[in-house]
C-alpha atoms as a PDB file:
ATOM      1  CA  UNK A   1      16.005 -14.483 -16.025  1.00  0.00           C
ATOM      2  CA  UNK A   2      13.848 -15.682 -13.476  1.00  0.00           C
ATOM      3  CA  UNK A   3       9.961 -14.365 -13.571  1.00  0.00           C
ATOM      4  CA  UNK A   4       9.882 -12.244 -10.193  1.00  0.00           C
ATOM      5  CA  UNK A   5       6.268 -11.612  -9.088  1.00  0.00           C
ATOM      6  CA  UNK A   6       4.523  -8.355  -9.520  1.00  0.00           C
ATOM      7  CA  UNK A   7       2.004  -7.079  -6.643  1.00  0.00           C
ATOM      8  CA  UNK A   8      -0.697  -4.323  -7.003  1.00  0.00           C
ATOM      9  CA  UNK A   9      -1.182  -2.747  -3.374  1.00  0.00           C
ATOM     10  CA  UNK A  10      -4.250  -0.525  -2.893  1.00  0.00           C
ATOM     11  CA  UNK A  11      -4.360   1.246   0.591  1.00  0.00           C
ATOM     12  CA  UNK A  12      -5.936   4.247   2.045  1.00  0.00           C
ATOM     13  CA  UNK A  13      -3.341   6.990   2.886  1.00  0.00           C
ATOM     14  CA  UNK A  14      -5.309   9.872   4.808  1.00  0.00           C
ATOM     15  CA  UNK A  15      -8.158  10.909   2.518  1.00  0.00           C
ATOM     16  CA  UNK A  16      -6.951   9.514  -0.692  1.00  0.00           C
ATOM     17  CA  UNK A  17      -6.441   5.607  -2.092  1.00  0.00           C
ATOM     18  CA  UNK A  18      -3.110   4.883  -3.342  1.00  0.00           C
ATOM     19  CA  UNK A  19      -2.465   2.086  -5.832  1.00  0.00           C
ATOM     20  CA  UNK A  20       1.129   1.051  -6.320  1.00  0.00           C
ATOM     21  CA  UNK A  21       3.049  -1.835  -7.742  1.00  0.00           C
ATOM     22  CA  UNK A  22       6.011  -3.661  -5.923  1.00  0.00           C
ATOM     23  CA  UNK A  23       8.004  -6.562  -6.313  1.00  0.00           C
ATOM     24  CA  UNK A  24       8.219  -7.845  -2.704  1.00  0.00           C
ATOM     25  CA  UNK A  25       5.577  -7.688  -0.037  1.00  0.00           C
ATOM     26  CA  UNK A  26       5.398  -9.451   3.455  1.00  0.00           C
ATOM     27  CA  UNK A  27       4.238  -9.036   7.046  1.00  0.00           C
ATOM     28  CA  UNK A  28       6.177  -6.793   9.103  1.00  0.00           C
ATOM     29  CA  UNK A  29       8.226  -7.478  12.314  1.00  0.00           C
ATOM     30  CA  UNK A  30       6.140  -4.273  13.476  1.00  0.00           C
ATOM     31  CA  UNK A  31       2.866  -5.848  14.629  1.00  0.00           C
ATOM     32  CA  UNK A  32       0.182  -4.620  12.603  1.00  0.00           C
ATOM     33  CA  UNK A  33       2.061  -3.403   9.462  1.00  0.00           C
ATOM     34  CA  UNK A  34       2.891  -4.891   5.973  1.00  0.00           C
ATOM     35  CA  UNK A  35       6.174  -4.034   4.196  1.00  0.00           C
ATOM     36  CA  UNK A  36       6.555  -3.139   0.422  1.00  0.00           C
ATOM     37  CA  UNK A  37       9.681  -3.009  -1.260  1.00  0.00           C
ATOM     38  CA  UNK A  38      10.892  -2.283  -4.817  1.00  0.00           C
ATOM     39  CA  UNK A  39       8.149  -0.019  -5.881  1.00  0.00           C
ATOM     40  CA  UNK A  40       7.622  -0.174  -9.545  1.00  0.00           C
ATOM     41  CA  UNK A  41       6.777   3.113 -11.774  1.00  0.00           C
ATOM     42  CA  UNK A  42       6.404   3.227 -15.539  1.00  0.00           C
ATOM     43  CA  UNK A  43       9.136   4.079 -17.765  1.00  0.00           C
ATOM     44  CA  UNK A  44      10.424   7.611 -18.243  1.00  0.00           C
ATOM     45  CA  UNK A  45      10.847   7.069 -21.564  1.00  0.00           C
ATOM     46  CA  UNK A  46       7.026   7.568 -22.214  1.00  0.00           C
ATOM     47  CA  UNK A  47       6.139  10.818 -24.023  1.00  0.00           C
ATOM     48  CA  UNK A  48       2.958  11.098 -21.962  1.00  0.00           C
ATOM     49  CA  UNK A  49       3.482  11.874 -18.332  1.00  0.00           C
ATOM     50  CA  UNK A  50       0.567  10.963 -15.804  1.00  0.00           C
ATOM     51  CA  UNK A  51       0.658  13.529 -13.199  1.00  0.00           C
ATOM     52  CA  UNK A  52      -0.686  11.110 -10.807  1.00  0.00           C
ATOM     53  CA  UNK A  53       1.912   8.691 -11.238  1.00  0.00           C
ATOM     54  CA  UNK A  54       4.419  11.290 -11.191  1.00  0.00           C
ATOM     55  CA  UNK A  55       3.282  12.655  -7.801  1.00  0.00           C
ATOM     56  CA  UNK A  56       3.689   8.902  -6.304  1.00  0.00           C
ATOM     57  CA  UNK A  57       7.106   8.799  -7.843  1.00  0.00           C
ATOM     58  CA  UNK A  58       8.130  11.905  -6.181  1.00  0.00           C
ATOM     59  CA  UNK A  59       6.426  10.820  -2.930  1.00  0.00           C
ATOM     60  CA  UNK A  60       8.395   7.629  -3.062  1.00  0.00           C
ATOM     61  CA  UNK A  61      11.490   8.634  -4.208  1.00  0.00           C
ATOM     62  CA  UNK A  62      14.475   7.656  -2.149  1.00  0.00           C
ATOM     63  CA  UNK A  63      12.135   5.089  -0.117  1.00  0.00           C
ATOM     64  CA  UNK A  64      13.753   1.813   0.474  1.00  0.00           C
ATOM     65  CA  UNK A  65      10.995   0.200   2.203  1.00  0.00           C
ATOM     66  CA  UNK A  66       7.560   1.227   2.887  1.00  0.00           C
ATOM     67  CA  UNK A  67       5.308   0.341   6.233  1.00  0.00           C
ATOM     68  CA  UNK A  68       1.518   0.100   5.554  1.00  0.00           C
ATOM     69  CA  UNK A  69      -0.991  -0.206   8.426  1.00  0.00           C
ATOM     70  CA  UNK A  70      -2.941  -3.335   7.613  1.00  0.00           C
ATOM     71  CA  UNK A  71      -6.139  -1.682   8.645  1.00  0.00           C
ATOM     72  CA  UNK A  72      -5.419   0.609   5.423  1.00  0.00           C
ATOM     73  CA  UNK A  73      -4.917  -2.206   3.022  1.00  0.00           C
ATOM     74  CA  UNK A  74      -7.979  -2.351   0.802  1.00  0.00           C
ATOM     75  CA  UNK A  75      -6.390  -4.953  -1.479  1.00  0.00           C
ATOM     76  CA  UNK A  76      -3.459  -7.090  -2.608  1.00  0.00           C
ATOM     77  CA  UNK A  77      -3.308  -8.724  -5.994  1.00  0.00           C
ATOM     78  CA  UNK A  78      -0.286 -10.648  -7.788  1.00  0.00           C
ATOM     79  CA  UNK A  79      -0.434  -9.415 -11.261  1.00  0.00           C
ATOM     80  CA  UNK A  80       1.313 -10.320 -14.348  1.00  0.00           C
ATOM     81  CA  UNK A  81       2.913  -6.852 -15.170  1.00  0.00           C
ATOM     82  CA  UNK A  82       2.954  -3.677 -13.320  1.00  0.00           C
ATOM     83  CA  UNK A  83       0.502  -0.825 -14.578  1.00  0.00           C
ATOM     84  CA  UNK A  84       0.303   2.987 -13.830  1.00  0.00           C
ATOM     85  CA  UNK A  85       0.394   3.898 -10.321  1.00  0.00           C
ATOM     86  CA  UNK A  86      -2.606   5.976  -8.968  1.00  0.00           C
ATOM     87  CA  UNK A  87      -3.910   8.418  -6.404  1.00  0.00           C
ATOM     88  CA  UNK A  88      -7.536   8.676  -6.341  1.00  0.00           C
ATOM     89  CA  UNK A  89     -10.224  10.350  -4.167  1.00  0.00           C
ATOM     90  CA  UNK A  90     -12.747   7.750  -2.477  1.00  0.00           C
ATOM     91  CA  UNK A  91     -16.016   7.738  -4.404  1.00  0.00           C
ATOM     92  CA  UNK A  92     -19.146   8.798  -2.563  1.00  0.00           C
ATOM     93  CA  UNK A  93     -20.575   5.279  -2.486  1.00  0.00           C
ATOM     94  CA  UNK A  94     -17.425   4.134  -0.540  1.00  0.00           C
ATOM     95  CA  UNK A  95     -17.872   6.907   1.842  1.00  0.00           C
ATOM     96  CA  UNK A  96     -20.607   4.676   3.216  1.00  0.00           C
ATOM     97  CA  UNK A  97     -18.311   1.926   4.330  1.00  0.00           C
ATOM     98  CA  UNK A  98     -16.340   2.542   7.487  1.00  0.00           C
ATOM     99  CA  UNK A  99     -13.414   0.303   8.698  1.00  0.00           C
ATOM    100  CA  UNK A 100     -13.787  -1.600  11.770  1.00  0.00           C
ATOM    101  CA  UNK A 101     -12.356  -0.386  14.939  1.00  0.00           C
ATOM    102  CA  UNK A 102      -8.857  -1.646  14.994  1.00  0.00           C
ATOM    103  CA  UNK A 103      -6.948  -2.407  18.398  1.00  0.00           C
ATOM    104  CA  UNK A 104      -3.528  -0.921  18.287  1.00  0.00           C
ATOM    105  CA  UNK A 105      -2.278  -3.727  20.948  1.00  0.00           C
ATOM    106  CA  UNK A 106      -3.745  -6.744  21.959  1.00  0.00           C
ATOM    107  CA  UNK A 107      -5.818  -6.059  25.088  1.00  0.00           C
ATOM    108  CA  UNK A 108      -4.064  -6.692  28.495  1.00  0.00           C
ATOM    109  CA  UNK A 109      -5.819  -9.603  30.148  1.00  0.00           C
ATOM    110  CA  UNK A 110      -5.677  -9.178  34.327  1.00  0.00           C
ATOM    111  CA  UNK A 111      -3.526 -11.950  35.923  1.00  0.00           C
ATOM    112  CA  UNK A 112      -4.081 -13.499  39.071  1.00  0.00           C
ATOM    113  CA  UNK A 113      -0.697 -12.180  40.395  1.00  0.00           C
ATOM    114  CA  UNK A 114      -2.061  -8.845  40.457  1.00  0.00           C
END
């Protein structure tokens, strides 16, 4: 069986930070987005259930592909194996950091034909 890469994707969603694991990740055809597919969650045979992971599992239930805005991505790592998916609140220290403004579309340049 070939060894498939596993990616850990950390991104902002509203006022929370999501950490999920996926088998596939790539730049979307939609400008400004990345696509993540084949989300990975812990085994259901575990005796202990992590409520944060269950929340994410329920939120992404039935999702074939998710589009994440590039400016929301904090970090993407290729890891050896998946871990628990997490939803966390940003820390007080991270509240001092602000994202740079992000243009939704490239600015329109005036042409000589106008």
